[in-house]
Amino acid sequence: MTTLPLTSLVTLLAVTLMFWTAINVGKARAKYAVKAPVTSGHELFDRAYRIQMNTLESAMQLLPSMWIYAGLIGDLGAGVSGAIWITGRIWYALAYQQDPAKRGPGFSISFLAITGMWVAIKLLIAQ
């Protein structure tokens, strides 16, 4: 049996981050009286909602990338890349909630973590 403990741990942390963004949206719905199914209203609710949706979109790129990398190249690199992604997404979320114009560095960190894995996978497959 092959074990990938770091990739597994980072997957759980990514899911925890997604739960956190969902809870944040629920709190913002209540605080700013944005009734479901409406997905727009108060600006701070809109920010929380976009953080959640953008994190889900990015996670759909992270998870397959990380697991393919782990299976083909190694658990350590996948785990480290995933941890970098999580760090970037937390930075992104906190910055976006304060001022959407400041979300760029967090986005860039998480994007580069995914891109790095795909470049490594492509190079391996091209051999």
Protein backbone atom coordinates (compact mmCIF):
# COMPACT_ATOMS: atom_id res chain seq x y z
CA MET A 1 0.00 0.00 0.00
CA THR A 2 1.28 3.46 -0.93
CA THR A 3 0.84 6.17 1.63
CA LEU A 4 0.92 9.86 0.93
CA PRO A 5 0.67 11.43 4.39
CA LEU A 6 1.60 15.00 3.47
CA THR A 7 -0.71 15.11 0.48
CA SER A 8 -3.49 13.65 2.63
CA LEU A 9 -2.88 16.19 5.39
CA VAL A 10 -2.89 19.12 2.98
CA THR A 11 -6.09 17.80 1.40
CA LEU A 12 -7.74 17.87 4.83
CA LEU A 13 -6.42 21.38 5.43
CA ALA A 14 -7.76 22.52 2.04
CA VAL A 15 -11.18 21.09 2.91
CA THR A 16 -11.00 22.88 6.28
CA LEU A 17 -10.24 26.13 4.45
CA MET A 18 -13.26 25.58 2.21
CA PHE A 19 -15.45 24.98 5.30
CA TRP A 20 -14.08 28.17 6.86
CA THR A 21 -14.97 30.23 3.77
CA ALA A 22 -18.48 28.71 3.75
CA ILE A 23 -19.00 29.54 7.42
CA ASN A 24 -17.77 33.07 6.73
CA VAL A 25 -20.38 33.46 3.98
CA GLY A 26 -23.11 32.20 6.33
CA LYS A 27 -22.08 34.71 8.98
CA ALA A 28 -22.01 37.51 6.40
CA ARG A 29 -25.50 36.50 5.18
CA ALA A 30 -26.86 36.87 8.68
CA LYS A 31 -24.93 40.04 9.52
CA TYR A 32 -25.84 41.89 6.31
CA ALA A 33 -29.34 40.36 5.88
CA VAL A 34 -28.69 38.79 2.48
CA LYS A 35 -31.41 36.17 2.18
CA ALA A 36 -30.81 32.98 0.19
CA PRO A 37 -30.84 32.36 -2.73
CA VAL A 38 -29.59 35.91 -3.40
CA THR A 39 -25.82 35.98 -3.97
CA SER A 40 -25.30 39.72 -3.95
CA GLY A 41 -26.15 42.50 -1.56
CA HIS A 42 -23.98 44.29 0.93
CA GLU A 43 -20.41 44.83 -0.33
CA LEU A 44 -18.85 42.93 2.57
CA PHE A 45 -21.16 39.97 1.92
CA ASP A 46 -20.17 40.09 -1.75
CA ARG A 47 -16.51 39.93 -0.78
CA ALA A 48 -17.06 36.93 1.49
CA TYR A 49 -19.04 35.18 -1.24
CA ARG A 50 -16.37 35.83 -3.89
CA ILE A 51 -13.65 34.59 -1.52
CA GLN A 52 -15.59 31.35 -1.09
CA MET A 53 -16.27 30.86 -4.79
CA ASN A 54 -12.72 31.75 -5.83
CA THR A 55 -11.31 29.37 -3.22
CA LEU A 56 -13.54 26.55 -4.48
CA GLU A 57 -12.49 27.26 -8.06
CA SER A 58 -8.82 27.23 -7.12
CA ALA A 59 -9.21 24.08 -5.02
CA MET A 60 -10.54 22.31 -8.11
CA GLN A 61 -7.18 23.05 -9.71
CA LEU A 62 -5.13 22.25 -6.60
CA LEU A 63 -6.50 18.85 -5.63
CA PRO A 64 -6.00 16.94 -8.89
CA SER A 65 -2.65 18.68 -9.45
CA MET A 66 -1.42 17.75 -5.99
CA TRP A 67 -2.56 14.12 -6.16
CA ILE A 68 -1.16 13.57 -9.65
CA TYR A 69 2.13 15.16 -8.56
CA ALA A 70 2.21 13.00 -5.41
CA GLY A 71 1.58 9.83 -7.40
CA LEU A 72 4.07 10.54 -10.18
CA ILE A 73 6.78 12.55 -8.43
CA GLY A 74 6.44 12.43 -4.67
CA ASP A 75 4.53 13.18 -1.51
CA LEU A 76 6.94 15.78 -0.13
CA GLY A 77 6.77 18.10 -3.14
CA ALA A 78 3.01 17.74 -3.37
CA GLY A 79 2.57 18.43 0.34
CA VAL A 80 4.85 21.46 0.30
CA SER A 81 3.17 22.85 -2.82
CA GLY A 82 -0.23 22.32 -1.26
CA ALA A 83 0.87 24.04 1.95
CA ILE A 84 2.09 26.98 -0.12
CA TRP A 85 -1.32 27.06 -1.85
CA ILE A 86 -3.10 27.11 1.53
CA THR A 87 -0.86 29.93 2.75
CA GLY A 88 -1.59 31.91 -0.41
CA ARG A 89 -5.34 31.33 -0.18
CA ILE A 90 -5.46 32.44 3.45
CA TRP A 91 -3.48 35.56 2.55
CA TYR A 92 -5.84 36.08 -0.41
CA ALA A 93 -8.96 35.73 1.74
CA LEU A 94 -7.81 38.06 4.49
CA ALA A 95 -6.59 40.70 2.03
CA TYR A 96 -9.70 40.47 -0.17
CA GLN A 97 -12.02 40.91 2.82
CA GLN A 98 -10.15 44.09 3.83
CA ASP A 99 -9.59 45.55 0.36
CA PRO A 100 -10.14 43.61 -2.89
CA ALA A 101 -7.32 45.56 -4.58
CA LYS A 102 -4.83 43.89 -2.19
CA ARG A 103 -5.71 40.28 -3.07
CA GLY A 104 -3.02 39.93 -5.75
CA PRO A 105 -0.07 38.57 -3.73
CA GLY A 106 -2.16 35.81 -2.13
CA PHE A 107 -3.61 34.88 -5.50
CA SER A 108 -0.16 34.82 -7.08
CA ILE A 109 1.29 32.54 -4.40
CA SER A 110 -1.53 30.01 -4.74
CA PHE A 111 -1.47 30.19 -8.54
CA LEU A 112 2.29 29.63 -8.67
CA ALA A 113 2.02 26.60 -6.36
CA ILE A 114 -0.40 24.93 -8.79
CA THR A 115 1.54 26.04 -11.86
CA GLY A 116 4.77 24.65 -10.42
CA MET A 117 3.23 21.23 -9.97
CA TRP A 118 1.83 21.19 -13.51
CA VAL A 119 5.15 22.24 -15.00
CA ALA A 120 6.92 19.43 -13.10
CA ILE A 121 4.29 16.90 -14.21
CA LYS A 122 4.54 18.03 -17.83
CA LEU A 123 8.33 17.81 -17.76
CA LEU A 124 8.16 14.30 -16.33
CA ILE A 125 5.64 13.14 -18.90
CA ALA A 126 7.67 14.70 -21.76
CA GLN A 127 10.72 12.59 -20.89
